[in-house]
Amino acid sequence: MAVLVNNSGRDHRIGARLLQYGDQFRVLPHSRVPTDGKIIDGATEIDGSMPTREATPTLEKIDDLVVAGTINSDGTILVQLEHEA
């Protein structure tokens, strides 16, 4: 599931496979990043141990890329999908 942010700024949940290029979605605390994208608001630590095997969470902020399958820590970030899922 993904938390899609529509044009009016309201959130609604959709299947991650329904995300399209340019969509903006929220990654809530302690949730998995549903697809690759670029952070456009917020900052958080991301546990990238699954795809990268990096054991230490890294701080991710605006303009950083996040990878599908990584785990968000305590922050909330707004991400824009830059490639088709």
N, C-alpha and C. Protein backbone atom coordinates (compact mmCIF):
# COMPACT_ATOMS: atom_id res chain seq x y z
N MET A 1 0.84 -1.19 0.00
CA MET A 1 0.00 0.00 0.00
C MET A 1 0.88 1.25 0.00
N ALA A 2 0.31 2.32 -0.54
CA ALA A 2 0.99 3.61 -0.58
C ALA A 2 0.00 4.67 -0.14
N VAL A 3 0.51 5.76 0.44
CA VAL A 3 -0.33 6.88 0.85
C VAL A 3 -0.14 7.98 -0.19
N LEU A 4 -1.02 8.01 -1.18
CA LEU A 4 -0.96 8.96 -2.28
C LEU A 4 -1.46 10.32 -1.80
N VAL A 5 -0.77 11.39 -2.20
CA VAL A 5 -1.20 12.76 -1.90
C VAL A 5 -1.77 13.34 -3.18
N ASN A 6 -3.06 13.67 -3.17
CA ASN A 6 -3.67 14.19 -4.40
C ASN A 6 -3.45 15.70 -4.54
N ASN A 7 -3.95 16.29 -5.60
CA ASN A 7 -3.71 17.71 -5.90
C ASN A 7 -4.20 18.65 -4.82
N SER A 8 -5.21 18.26 -4.07
CA SER A 8 -5.74 19.12 -3.01
C SER A 8 -5.00 18.91 -1.69
N GLY A 9 -3.97 18.04 -1.68
CA GLY A 9 -3.18 17.81 -0.48
C GLY A 9 -3.75 16.75 0.43
N ARG A 10 -4.81 16.09 0.03
CA ARG A 10 -5.42 15.04 0.85
C ARG A 10 -4.75 13.70 0.57
N ASP A 11 -4.67 12.89 1.60
CA ASP A 11 -4.06 11.56 1.49
C ASP A 11 -5.13 10.50 1.29
N HIS A 12 -4.80 9.50 0.50
CA HIS A 12 -5.63 8.30 0.45
C HIS A 12 -4.75 7.12 0.08
N ARG A 13 -5.11 5.96 0.58
CA ARG A 13 -4.31 4.75 0.38
C ARG A 13 -4.69 4.08 -0.93
N ILE A 14 -3.65 3.68 -1.66
CA ILE A 14 -3.85 2.92 -2.89
C ILE A 14 -2.80 1.82 -2.95
N GLY A 15 -2.98 0.87 -3.82
CA GLY A 15 -1.97 -0.15 -4.04
C GLY A 15 -0.73 0.48 -4.65
N ALA A 16 0.44 0.08 -4.20
CA ALA A 16 1.69 0.67 -4.68
C ALA A 16 1.84 0.50 -6.19
N ARG A 17 1.28 -0.55 -6.75
CA ARG A 17 1.39 -0.78 -8.20
C ARG A 17 0.60 0.23 -9.02
N LEU A 18 -0.29 0.98 -8.37
CA LEU A 18 -1.09 1.99 -9.08
C LEU A 18 -0.40 3.34 -9.15
N LEU A 19 0.73 3.50 -8.46
CA LEU A 19 1.46 4.76 -8.52
C LEU A 19 1.98 4.98 -9.93
N GLN A 20 1.99 6.25 -10.35
CA GLN A 20 2.45 6.60 -11.68
C GLN A 20 3.51 7.70 -11.59
N TYR A 21 4.25 7.87 -12.69
CA TYR A 21 5.28 8.89 -12.77
C TYR A 21 4.72 10.24 -12.32
N GLY A 22 5.44 10.91 -11.43
CA GLY A 22 5.04 12.22 -10.95
C GLY A 22 4.17 12.21 -9.71
N ASP A 23 3.61 11.05 -9.34
CA ASP A 23 2.79 10.97 -8.13
C ASP A 23 3.62 11.31 -6.90
N GLN A 24 2.96 11.91 -5.92
CA GLN A 24 3.59 12.19 -4.64
C GLN A 24 2.93 11.31 -3.60
N PHE A 25 3.77 10.71 -2.74
CA PHE A 25 3.24 9.83 -1.70
C PHE A 25 4.00 10.03 -0.41
N ARG A 26 3.30 9.79 0.70
CA ARG A 26 3.92 9.91 2.02
C ARG A 26 4.46 8.55 2.46
N VAL A 27 5.60 8.59 3.11
CA VAL A 27 6.13 7.40 3.76
C VAL A 27 6.04 7.70 5.26
N LEU A 28 5.16 6.98 5.92
CA LEU A 28 4.88 7.20 7.34
C LEU A 28 5.92 6.51 8.21
N PRO A 29 6.02 6.92 9.49
CA PRO A 29 6.99 6.30 10.39
C PRO A 29 6.81 4.78 10.47
N HIS A 30 7.93 4.09 10.50
CA HIS A 30 7.99 2.63 10.67
C HIS A 30 7.29 1.87 9.54
N SER A 31 7.28 2.46 8.35
CA SER A 31 6.68 1.77 7.21
C SER A 31 7.73 1.55 6.12
N ARG A 32 7.41 0.68 5.20
CA ARG A 32 8.31 0.34 4.09
C ARG A 32 8.10 1.34 2.96
N VAL A 33 9.19 1.76 2.31
CA VAL A 33 9.10 2.64 1.14
C VAL A 33 8.51 1.81 -0.01
N PRO A 34 7.35 2.23 -0.58
CA PRO A 34 6.67 1.38 -1.56
C PRO A 34 7.33 1.34 -2.94
N THR A 35 8.04 2.39 -3.32
CA THR A 35 8.70 2.43 -4.63
C THR A 35 9.80 3.49 -4.60
N ASP A 36 10.70 3.43 -5.55
CA ASP A 36 11.79 4.40 -5.62
C ASP A 36 11.24 5.80 -5.87
N GLY A 37 11.95 6.80 -5.34
CA GLY A 37 11.56 8.18 -5.59
C GLY A 37 12.52 9.14 -4.94
N LYS A 38 12.22 10.43 -5.11
CA LYS A 38 13.04 11.51 -4.56
C LYS A 38 12.27 12.21 -3.46
N ILE A 39 12.92 12.46 -2.32
CA ILE A 39 12.28 13.16 -1.21
C ILE A 39 12.09 14.63 -1.59
N ILE A 40 10.86 15.12 -1.45
CA ILE A 40 10.57 16.52 -1.75
C ILE A 40 10.18 17.30 -0.50
N ASP A 41 9.97 16.59 0.63
CA ASP A 41 9.69 17.27 1.89
C ASP A 41 9.99 16.32 3.04
N GLY A 42 10.60 16.87 4.09
CA GLY A 42 10.88 16.10 5.29
C GLY A 42 12.26 15.47 5.29
N ALA A 43 12.55 14.80 6.39
CA ALA A 43 13.82 14.09 6.57
C ALA A 43 13.57 12.95 7.54
N THR A 44 14.34 11.88 7.38
CA THR A 44 14.18 10.72 8.24
C THR A 44 15.41 9.83 8.10
N GLU A 45 15.54 8.89 8.99
CA GLU A 45 16.57 7.86 8.84
C GLU A 45 15.93 6.66 8.15
N ILE A 46 16.64 6.10 7.19
CA ILE A 46 16.16 4.95 6.42
C ILE A 46 17.07 3.77 6.68
N ASP A 47 16.47 2.63 7.00
CA ASP A 47 17.21 1.38 7.17
C ASP A 47 17.28 0.72 5.80
N GLY A 48 18.45 0.79 5.19
CA GLY A 48 18.63 0.24 3.86
C GLY A 48 19.29 -1.12 3.86
N SER A 49 19.21 -1.84 4.98
CA SER A 49 19.95 -3.10 5.10
C SER A 49 19.45 -4.18 4.14
N MET A 50 18.19 -4.13 3.74
CA MET A 50 17.71 -5.17 2.83
C MET A 50 18.35 -5.06 1.44
N PRO A 51 18.22 -3.92 0.74
CA PRO A 51 18.83 -3.88 -0.60
C PRO A 51 20.33 -3.60 -0.60
N THR A 52 20.83 -2.84 0.40
CA THR A 52 22.24 -2.43 0.36
C THR A 52 23.13 -3.17 1.32
N ARG A 53 22.52 -3.87 2.27
CA ARG A 53 23.24 -4.56 3.35
C ARG A 53 23.98 -3.60 4.28
N GLU A 54 23.63 -2.33 4.21
CA GLU A 54 24.19 -1.32 5.10
C GLU A 54 23.47 -1.44 6.44
N ALA A 55 24.22 -1.76 7.50
CA ALA A 55 23.62 -2.05 8.80
C ALA A 55 23.17 -0.79 9.55
N THR A 56 23.76 0.35 9.26
CA THR A 56 23.44 1.57 9.98
C THR A 56 22.44 2.41 9.19
N PRO A 57 21.32 2.80 9.81
CA PRO A 57 20.37 3.68 9.11
C PRO A 57 21.05 4.98 8.69
N THR A 58 20.65 5.52 7.55
CA THR A 58 21.24 6.75 7.06
C THR A 58 20.19 7.85 7.02
N LEU A 59 20.64 9.09 7.29
CA LEU A 59 19.74 10.24 7.24
C LEU A 59 19.47 10.58 5.79
N GLU A 60 18.20 10.66 5.43
CA GLU A 60 17.78 11.03 4.09
C GLU A 60 16.95 12.30 4.20
N LYS A 61 17.20 13.25 3.29
CA LYS A 61 16.55 14.56 3.34
C LYS A 61 16.12 14.98 1.95
N ILE A 62 15.61 16.20 1.81
CA ILE A 62 15.12 16.70 0.53
C ILE A 62 16.18 16.51 -0.56
N ASP A 63 15.73 16.05 -1.71
CA ASP A 63 16.51 15.76 -2.92
C ASP A 63 17.28 14.44 -2.86
N ASP A 64 17.24 13.73 -1.73
CA ASP A 64 17.86 12.41 -1.68
C ASP A 64 16.89 11.39 -2.28
N LEU A 65 17.45 10.32 -2.81
CA LEU A 65 16.64 9.24 -3.38
C LEU A 65 16.40 8.16 -2.34
N VAL A 66 15.21 7.60 -2.34
CA VAL A 66 14.89 6.47 -1.49
C VAL A 66 14.57 5.28 -2.38
N VAL A 67 14.80 4.09 -1.84
CA VAL A 67 14.68 2.86 -2.62
C VAL A 67 13.54 2.00 -2.08
N ALA A 68 12.78 1.43 -2.99
CA ALA A 68 11.69 0.54 -2.62
C ALA A 68 12.19 -0.57 -1.72
N GLY A 69 11.43 -0.88 -0.68
CA GLY A 69 11.76 -1.98 0.22
C GLY A 69 12.54 -1.57 1.44
N THR A 70 13.09 -0.36 1.46
CA THR A 70 13.80 0.10 2.65
C THR A 70 12.77 0.50 3.70
N ILE A 71 13.21 0.58 4.95
CA ILE A 71 12.29 0.85 6.07
C ILE A 71 12.54 2.25 6.63
N ASN A 72 11.46 3.02 6.74
CA ASN A 72 11.53 4.35 7.32
C ASN A 72 11.62 4.24 8.84
N SER A 73 12.31 5.18 9.46
CA SER A 73 12.44 5.21 10.92
C SER A 73 11.28 6.01 11.51
N ASP A 74 11.56 7.09 12.23
CA ASP A 74 10.53 7.83 12.95
C ASP A 74 9.93 9.00 12.20
N GLY A 75 10.56 9.45 11.12
CA GLY A 75 10.07 10.63 10.41
C GLY A 75 9.01 10.32 9.38
N THR A 76 8.39 11.38 8.88
CA THR A 76 7.46 11.28 7.75
C THR A 76 8.07 12.06 6.60
N ILE A 77 8.10 11.45 5.42
CA ILE A 77 8.66 12.12 4.25
C ILE A 77 7.64 12.12 3.12
N LEU A 78 7.75 13.13 2.28
CA LEU A 78 6.94 13.21 1.07
C LEU A 78 7.88 12.91 -0.09
N VAL A 79 7.51 11.94 -0.91
CA VAL A 79 8.37 11.44 -1.98
C VAL A 79 7.64 11.59 -3.31
N GLN A 80 8.40 11.91 -4.36
CA GLN A 80 7.83 11.97 -5.70
C GLN A 80 8.40 10.82 -6.52
N LEU A 81 7.51 10.08 -7.16
CA LEU A 81 7.92 8.98 -8.02
C LEU A 81 8.53 9.56 -9.29
N GLU A 82 9.76 9.15 -9.60
CA GLU A 82 10.44 9.70 -10.76
C GLU A 82 10.56 8.71 -11.91
N HIS A 83 10.26 7.46 -11.68
CA HIS A 83 10.28 6.44 -12.72
C HIS A 83 9.02 5.61 -12.56
N GLU A 84 8.59 4.97 -13.62
CA GLU A 84 7.42 4.10 -13.53
C GLU A 84 7.69 2.97 -12.58
N ALA A 85 6.72 2.64 -11.75
CA ALA A 85 6.87 1.55 -10.76
C ALA A 85 6.83 0.20 -11.44
